[in-house]
Protein backbone atom coordinates (compact mmCIF):
# COMPACT_ATOMS: atom_id res chain seq x y z
CA MET A 1 0.00 0.00 0.00
CA ARG A 2 1.36 3.41 -0.99
CA ASP A 3 2.38 5.58 1.96
CA LEU A 4 -0.08 8.47 2.40
CA VAL A 5 0.85 11.55 4.39
CA GLU A 6 -1.71 13.94 5.87
CA ILE A 7 -0.88 17.46 4.68
CA GLY A 8 -3.87 19.09 6.37
CA MET A 9 -7.26 18.22 7.78
CA GLY A 10 -8.95 15.81 5.38
CA ARG A 11 -6.21 16.09 2.72
CA THR A 12 -3.52 13.54 2.07
CA ALA A 13 -0.68 13.22 -0.42
CA MET A 14 1.23 10.20 -1.66
CA ARG A 15 4.86 10.01 -0.68
CA GLY A 16 7.27 9.82 -3.59
CA TYR A 17 11.02 9.52 -3.94
CA ASP A 18 13.55 11.16 -6.23
CA LEU A 19 16.56 9.38 -7.64
CA ASP A 20 18.68 11.26 -5.09
CA ASP A 21 16.75 9.49 -2.32
CA VAL A 22 17.66 6.03 -3.62
CA GLU A 23 20.93 4.10 -3.44
CA ILE A 24 21.87 0.87 -5.21
CA VAL A 25 22.82 -1.93 -2.83
CA PRO A 26 25.78 -4.19 -3.72
CA SER A 27 25.03 -7.90 -4.03
CA ARG A 28 27.12 -10.91 -3.02
CA ARG A 29 28.66 -11.03 -6.51
CA THR A 30 30.80 -8.74 -8.66
CA ARG A 31 31.93 -9.32 -12.22
CA SER A 32 34.26 -7.84 -14.82
CA SER A 33 32.78 -4.83 -16.58
CA LYS A 34 33.95 -6.41 -19.85
CA ASP A 35 31.25 -9.03 -19.36
CA VAL A 36 28.45 -6.46 -19.03
CA SER A 37 26.10 -5.75 -21.94
CA LEU A 38 24.26 -2.43 -22.20
CA ALA A 39 22.31 -3.47 -25.29
CA TRP A 40 18.56 -3.09 -25.52
CA GLN A 41 15.98 -3.50 -28.25
CA ILE A 42 12.66 -1.88 -29.03
CA ASP A 43 10.59 -3.62 -31.68
CA ALA A 44 13.03 -4.65 -34.43
CA TYR A 45 15.61 -2.00 -33.55
CA ARG A 46 18.61 -2.91 -31.42
CA PHE A 47 20.92 -0.40 -29.73
CA ASP A 48 24.27 -0.81 -28.02
CA ILE A 49 23.43 1.55 -25.15
CA PRO A 50 20.10 2.46 -23.51
CA LEU A 51 20.23 6.08 -24.73
CA VAL A 52 17.43 8.03 -26.37
CA THR A 53 17.98 11.76 -26.79
CA HIS A 54 15.49 14.27 -25.50
CA PRO A 55 14.03 15.74 -28.72
CA THR A 56 15.17 19.35 -28.54
CA ASP A 57 16.96 21.45 -31.14
CA ALA A 58 19.43 22.44 -28.44
CA ILE A 59 21.15 19.04 -28.61
CA VAL A 60 19.75 17.22 -31.66
CA SER A 61 20.46 18.24 -35.23
CA PRO A 62 20.43 15.77 -38.13
CA ALA A 63 24.21 15.51 -37.76
CA THR A 64 24.10 14.82 -34.01
CA ALA A 65 21.28 12.31 -34.48
CA VAL A 66 23.59 10.47 -36.87
CA ARG A 67 26.49 10.65 -34.40
CA VAL A 68 24.35 9.35 -31.54
CA GLY A 69 23.27 6.47 -33.76
CA GLU A 70 26.87 5.69 -34.70
CA LEU A 71 27.74 5.56 -31.00
CA GLY A 72 24.97 3.06 -30.28
CA GLY A 73 22.04 5.21 -29.13
CA LEU A 74 18.89 6.67 -30.69
CA GLY A 75 18.87 10.34 -31.67
CA VAL A 76 15.39 11.85 -31.91
CA LEU A 77 14.68 14.85 -34.12
CA ASN A 78 11.97 17.31 -33.10
CA ALA A 79 9.64 17.27 -36.10
CA GLU A 80 8.16 20.56 -34.90
CA GLY A 81 11.51 22.23 -34.28
CA LEU A 82 13.68 24.61 -36.21
CA TRP A 83 14.95 22.06 -38.74
CA ALA A 84 11.33 21.70 -39.89
CA ARG A 85 10.76 25.46 -40.14
CA HIS A 86 13.92 27.18 -41.37
CA GLU A 87 16.84 26.85 -43.71
CA ASN A 88 20.28 27.68 -42.26
CA VAL A 89 19.22 26.51 -38.81
CA GLU A 90 22.75 26.83 -37.46
CA GLU A 91 22.55 30.59 -38.06
CA ARG A 92 19.20 30.78 -36.30
CA LEU A 93 20.52 28.87 -33.30
CA ALA A 94 23.56 31.16 -33.20
CA GLU A 95 21.17 34.12 -32.98
CA VAL A 96 19.44 32.55 -29.97
CA VAL A 97 22.76 31.80 -28.28
CA ARG A 98 24.03 35.32 -28.98
CA ALA A 99 20.88 36.82 -27.46
CA ALA A 100 21.24 34.59 -24.40
CA GLU A 101 24.88 35.62 -23.99
CA GLU A 102 24.65 39.33 -24.71
CA GLU A 103 21.26 40.47 -23.50
CA SER A 104 20.77 41.27 -19.82
CA ASP A 105 17.12 40.23 -20.04
CA PRO A 106 16.76 36.44 -20.54
CA ALA A 107 13.31 37.03 -22.03
CA VAL A 108 14.94 38.41 -25.20
CA ALA A 109 16.34 35.02 -26.21
CA GLN A 110 13.08 33.33 -25.18
CA LYS A 111 11.03 35.68 -27.38
CA LEU A 112 13.40 35.08 -30.29
CA LEU A 113 12.98 31.33 -29.94
CA GLN A 114 9.21 31.74 -29.89
CA LYS A 115 9.39 33.94 -32.98
CA LEU A 116 11.46 31.38 -34.85
CA HIS A 117 8.91 28.68 -33.97
CA ALA A 118 6.07 30.85 -35.25
CA ALA A 119 7.23 30.09 -38.80
CA PRO A 120 5.15 27.33 -40.42
CA ILE A 121 6.40 23.76 -40.57
CA ARG A 122 7.66 22.93 -44.06
CA PRO A 123 7.36 19.25 -44.98
CA ASP A 124 10.17 19.66 -47.54
CA LEU A 125 12.63 20.84 -44.89
CA LEU A 126 11.47 18.11 -42.54
CA ALA A 127 12.06 15.51 -45.26
CA LEU A 128 15.57 16.87 -45.91
CA ALA A 129 16.49 16.62 -42.22
CA ILE A 130 15.20 13.06 -41.99
CA LYS A 131 16.95 12.10 -45.23
CA GLN A 132 20.29 13.19 -43.78
CA VAL A 133 19.81 10.78 -40.89
CA LYS A 134 18.42 7.98 -43.03
CA ASP A 135 21.25 8.17 -45.57
CA SER A 136 23.76 7.51 -42.79
CA GLY A 137 22.26 4.09 -42.10
CA VAL A 138 21.33 4.68 -38.44
CA THR A 139 17.80 4.26 -37.07
CA VAL A 140 15.63 7.30 -37.82
CA ALA A 141 13.40 8.66 -35.05
CA ALA A 142 11.32 11.81 -34.77
CA ARG A 143 9.07 13.42 -32.17
CA VAL A 144 5.65 14.99 -32.69
CA SER A 145 3.30 16.50 -30.14
CA PRO A 146 -0.15 14.95 -29.64
CA GLN A 147 -1.69 18.09 -31.14
CA HIS A 148 0.11 17.66 -34.48
CA ALA A 149 0.62 13.90 -34.61
CA GLU A 150 -2.02 13.10 -37.22
CA GLU A 151 -1.03 16.04 -39.40
CA LEU A 152 2.71 15.40 -39.46
CA THR A 153 3.02 11.63 -39.23
CA PRO A 154 2.27 10.92 -42.92
CA HIS A 155 5.12 13.26 -43.90
CA LEU A 156 7.45 11.60 -41.39
CA LEU A 157 6.67 8.09 -42.59
CA ALA A 158 7.05 9.10 -46.23
CA ALA A 159 10.47 10.55 -45.41
CA GLY A 160 11.61 7.32 -43.75
CA VAL A 161 11.05 7.66 -40.00
CA GLU A 162 11.37 4.24 -38.36
CA VAL A 163 10.52 5.06 -34.72
CA LEU A 164 7.86 7.65 -33.89
CA MET A 165 7.68 9.47 -30.58
CA VAL A 166 4.46 11.16 -29.51
CA GLN A 167 5.59 13.36 -26.66
CA GLY A 168 4.16 16.29 -24.77
CA THR A 169 4.71 17.66 -21.30
CA ILE A 170 1.91 15.38 -20.14
CA VAL A 171 0.33 12.79 -22.43
CA SER A 172 -2.77 10.68 -21.92
CA ALA A 173 -4.28 7.90 -23.99
CA GLU A 174 -6.75 10.32 -25.57
CA HIS A 175 -5.96 13.96 -26.31
CA VAL A 176 -9.15 16.01 -26.46
CA ALA A 177 -9.29 19.32 -28.35
CA ARG A 178 -12.35 21.55 -28.50
CA ASP A 179 -11.39 22.92 -31.91
CA GLY A 180 -10.90 19.57 -33.61
CA GLU A 181 -11.14 15.82 -33.44
CA PRO A 182 -9.39 14.24 -30.45
CA LEU A 183 -6.27 12.18 -31.00
CA ASN A 184 -7.29 8.65 -30.15
CA LEU A 185 -3.85 7.20 -29.53
CA LYS A 186 -5.03 3.59 -29.69
CA ARG A 187 -6.54 4.00 -33.14
CA PHE A 188 -3.62 6.17 -34.27
CA ILE A 189 -1.02 3.56 -33.27
CA ALA A 190 -3.02 0.66 -34.72
CA GLU A 191 -2.91 2.28 -38.16
CA LEU A 192 0.89 2.60 -38.17
CA ASP A 193 3.56 0.09 -39.14
CA VAL A 194 6.28 1.70 -37.01
CA PRO A 195 6.78 1.45 -33.24
CA VAL A 196 5.44 4.40 -31.25
CA ILE A 197 6.91 5.68 -28.00
CA ALA A 198 4.47 7.88 -26.04
CA GLY A 199 4.63 10.07 -22.94
CA GLY A 200 5.32 11.68 -20.57
CA VAL A 201 3.53 10.10 -17.68
CA GLY A 202 4.13 10.07 -13.96
CA ASP A 203 1.86 7.44 -12.45
CA TYR A 204 0.86 3.78 -12.72
CA ARG A 205 -2.64 4.35 -14.11
CA THR A 206 -1.63 6.61 -16.99
CA ALA A 207 1.32 4.37 -17.85
CA MET A 208 -1.04 1.40 -18.02
CA HIS A 209 -3.50 3.32 -20.22
CA LEU A 210 -0.71 4.22 -22.64
CA MET A 211 0.49 0.63 -22.76
CA ARG A 212 -3.01 -0.47 -23.68
CA THR A 213 -2.95 1.84 -26.72
CA GLY A 214 -0.33 -0.40 -28.29
CA ALA A 215 2.64 1.87 -27.63
CA ALA A 216 5.99 0.10 -27.85
CA GLY A 217 7.44 2.36 -25.18
CA VAL A 218 6.24 4.77 -22.51
CA ILE A 219 8.14 7.89 -21.48
CA VAL A 220 8.16 8.45 -17.72
CA GLY A 221 8.82 11.93 -16.42
CA PHE A 222 8.44 15.45 -17.73
CA GLY A 223 12.03 16.23 -18.71
CA GLU A 224 13.02 17.60 -15.31
CA SER A 225 16.23 19.60 -15.63
CA ARG A 226 17.78 22.91 -14.66
CA SER A 227 16.01 24.40 -17.68
CA ALA A 228 12.55 22.90 -17.25
CA THR A 229 10.00 25.02 -15.38
CA THR A 230 6.95 22.75 -15.56
CA THR A 231 6.60 22.63 -11.79
CA GLN A 232 6.81 26.41 -11.45
CA VAL A 233 4.40 27.08 -14.32
CA LEU A 234 1.89 24.24 -13.93
CA GLY A 235 2.51 23.03 -10.41
CA ILE A 236 3.00 19.54 -11.81
CA GLY A 237 5.98 17.41 -10.88
CA VAL A 238 6.91 13.81 -10.26
CA PRO A 239 9.64 12.24 -8.11
CA MET A 240 11.45 10.15 -10.69
CA ALA A 241 12.37 7.05 -8.66
CA THR A 242 8.73 6.51 -7.70
CA ALA A 243 7.42 7.33 -11.17
CA ILE A 244 9.78 4.85 -12.83
CA ALA A 245 8.96 2.12 -10.32
CA ASP A 246 5.22 2.71 -10.81
CA ALA A 247 5.54 2.51 -14.61
CA ALA A 248 7.63 -0.64 -14.26
CA ALA A 249 4.83 -2.13 -12.14
CA ALA A 250 2.35 -1.23 -14.89
CA ARG A 251 4.65 -2.91 -17.42
CA ARG A 252 4.70 -6.08 -15.32
CA ASP A 253 0.92 -6.13 -14.89
CA TYR A 254 0.37 -5.38 -18.58
CA LEU A 255 2.74 -8.21 -19.48
CA ASP A 256 0.53 -10.57 -17.42
CA GLU A 257 -2.66 -9.05 -18.84
CA THR A 258 -1.58 -9.61 -22.44
CA GLY A 259 0.19 -12.90 -21.99
CA GLY A 260 3.63 -11.58 -22.86
CA ARG A 261 3.57 -8.15 -24.58
CA TYR A 262 6.50 -6.16 -23.19
CA VAL A 263 6.37 -2.35 -23.24
CA HIS A 264 9.59 -0.45 -22.68
CA VAL A 265 9.89 2.22 -20.00
CA LEU A 266 12.02 5.26 -20.83
CA ALA A 267 13.06 7.59 -18.01
CA ASP A 268 13.08 11.29 -18.90
CA GLY A 269 14.25 13.75 -16.27
CA ALA A 270 16.58 14.31 -13.30
CA LEU A 271 19.38 12.42 -15.06
CA ASN A 272 22.43 14.55 -14.44
CA PHE A 273 25.14 12.03 -13.62
CA SER A 274 26.09 8.49 -14.58
CA GLY A 275 24.85 7.35 -11.16
CA ASP A 276 21.41 8.75 -11.97
CA ILE A 277 21.31 6.64 -15.11
CA ALA A 278 22.21 3.56 -13.08
CA LYS A 279 19.52 4.34 -10.52
CA ALA A 280 16.88 4.87 -13.23
CA ILE A 281 17.62 1.43 -14.73
CA ALA A 282 17.68 -0.08 -11.23
CA CYS A 283 14.21 1.38 -10.55
CA GLY A 284 12.87 -0.33 -13.66
CA ALA A 285 13.66 1.77 -16.73
CA ASP A 286 14.75 0.04 -19.93
CA ALA A 287 16.47 3.16 -21.29
CA VAL A 288 17.03 6.80 -20.41
CA MET A 289 16.25 10.00 -22.30
CA LEU A 290 19.16 12.40 -21.93
CA GLY A 291 18.90 16.10 -22.60
CA GLU A 292 20.98 18.54 -20.61
CA ALA A 293 23.55 15.84 -19.86
CA LEU A 294 24.50 16.11 -23.56
CA ALA A 295 24.36 19.92 -23.77
CA GLU A 296 28.09 20.39 -23.22
CA ALA A 297 29.15 18.00 -25.97
CA SER A 298 31.12 19.82 -28.64
CA GLU A 299 28.66 18.58 -31.30
CA SER A 300 25.69 20.17 -29.49
CA PRO A 301 23.91 22.54 -31.93
CA ALA A 302 23.23 25.17 -29.25
CA GLN A 303 26.90 25.41 -28.24
CA GLY A 304 26.47 24.62 -24.56
CA TYR A 305 22.97 26.05 -24.09
CA TYR A 306 19.96 23.90 -23.37
CA TRP A 307 16.18 24.14 -23.42
CA THR A 308 13.34 21.68 -23.87
CA ALA A 309 10.82 21.82 -26.72
CA ALA A 310 8.37 23.53 -24.34
CA ALA A 311 10.57 26.66 -24.31
CA ALA A 312 9.04 27.79 -27.60
CA HIS A 313 5.39 27.56 -26.52
CA PRO A 314 3.77 30.80 -27.75
CA SER A 315 1.86 31.61 -24.56
CA LEU A 316 3.10 29.38 -21.74
CA PRO A 317 6.77 28.40 -22.10
CA ARG A 318 7.87 25.77 -19.59
CA SER A 319 11.61 25.85 -20.09
CA GLU A 320 14.35 28.42 -19.78
CA ILE A 321 17.36 28.80 -22.05
CA THR A 322 20.15 27.70 -19.72
CA ALA A 323 23.92 27.91 -20.19
CA PHE A 324 26.21 25.04 -19.23
CA ASP A 325 29.85 25.90 -18.72
CA GLY A 326 31.81 22.74 -19.34
CA ALA A 327 34.94 21.59 -21.09
CA GLY A 328 33.14 20.91 -24.37
CA ALA A 329 34.19 17.27 -24.65
CA ASP A 330 33.06 15.46 -27.76
CA LEU A 331 29.98 13.27 -27.62
CA GLU A 332 31.95 10.04 -27.56
CA THR A 333 33.84 11.21 -24.47
CA VAL A 334 30.60 12.29 -22.78
CA LEU A 335 29.15 8.83 -23.33
CA PHE A 336 32.21 6.58 -23.01
CA GLY A 337 35.13 8.58 -21.63
CA PRO A 338 37.96 8.71 -20.87
CA SER A 339 37.19 11.11 -18.05
CA SER A 340 39.11 13.24 -15.58
CA ASP A 341 35.83 14.42 -14.03
CA PRO A 342 35.05 12.81 -10.64
CA LEU A 343 31.35 13.73 -10.57
CA GLY A 344 29.94 11.47 -13.28
CA VAL A 345 29.20 13.99 -16.06
CA LEU A 346 31.59 12.27 -18.49
CA ASN A 347 31.75 8.57 -19.40
CA LEU A 348 28.04 8.33 -18.60
CA PHE A 349 27.57 4.78 -19.86
CA GLY A 350 30.93 3.66 -18.57
CA GLY A 351 29.52 4.55 -15.16
CA LEU A 352 26.41 2.47 -15.80
CA ARG A 353 28.52 -0.45 -16.99
CA ARG A 354 30.71 -0.26 -13.86
CA ALA A 355 27.67 -0.03 -11.55
CA MET A 356 26.26 -3.19 -13.10
CA ALA A 357 29.62 -4.96 -12.79
CA LYS A 358 30.07 -3.94 -9.16
CA THR A 359 26.68 -5.39 -8.29
CA GLY A 360 27.19 -8.56 -10.32
CA TYR A 361 24.70 -8.03 -13.16
CA ARG A 362 25.35 -8.75 -16.83
CA GLU A 363 22.19 -7.53 -18.62
CA LEU A 364 20.01 -4.45 -18.20
CA LYS A 365 16.88 -6.47 -17.44
CA GLU A 366 18.75 -8.35 -14.73
CA PHE A 367 19.95 -5.07 -13.22
CA GLN A 368 16.33 -3.97 -12.78
CA LYS A 369 16.21 -6.52 -9.92
CA VAL A 370 19.13 -5.03 -7.97
CA GLY A 371 18.51 -4.12 -4.33
CA LEU A 372 17.64 -0.53 -3.45
CA MET A 373 17.81 1.41 -0.23
CA LEU A 374 16.38 4.78 0.80
CA ARG A 375 18.68 7.41 2.26
CA ARG A 376 15.91 8.61 4.57
């Protein structure tokens, strides 16, 4: 039974735990890290590391999506971002960065980003961006919001997208809009021949509902980061350790309900260090969505700045444009080292590999059974 805490007369709240509250407990066995596999697979697509990029222009261009794929992860383009709206996107991003650096008012850069996103989406530019990824031979993935999923998906599929992500700040099984037909996610997914990853969610019930739509993966979390302001703007937040564990419980129950259909859980938020990645997998995630952890990579399109896709919302932005002052290591070093940093911001997946080895686990699914302990 979930622990309920009385916060006032007649009002209770569920207790939840962040990744910082959880520690991984060593087992009776250790093994060589050379024997550890970080591979995972969603539908027919296999990846060497459990990495999916957060779909923001700040860290994912067609070129970086290709590089992430070459390094064993899945780079996700934002199909509603700048590469779908403008030519010479690098110049546009440089304008945003320059405004963030030079203007004393941070709202100047935010307004510029909103202005750039006010340009219409051009299917021809979107197709060009996807073609660049597809021609490299890596898996092609793109993100759409629930509001524009039905409109944009035919263009994405025609261009060669192989994994589709339907992601918003908060996603339910049915998106209702007064000014149009609702997006019935179950019907939408059933009509597609590509795997769909949907989210974000923060609780067992919503995760279960999304699994029942036929989604191949469910995103847990709302992209919590230094840049994200969802809690301040909407008052909505989720402690990630609890949210991941709840979604993993839904996955287990759905597996029993369907007689064997496995839905992947992707953790999105509060993943700043390699230890956070290890804890997310230990809580039940199959893979992690990294955003700001990749912002300082030298290949990052926004040159060390980060924001989520919600930053460009025309009336209610839920992300700041945040600067990260790092060494600018290349993406391979960020993911695999070598590292001289003692905090776990470089060699992210080397840290995960070592955590699994130190606790005696060889596969990611096995590591989901590792012991956990609360700090308080």
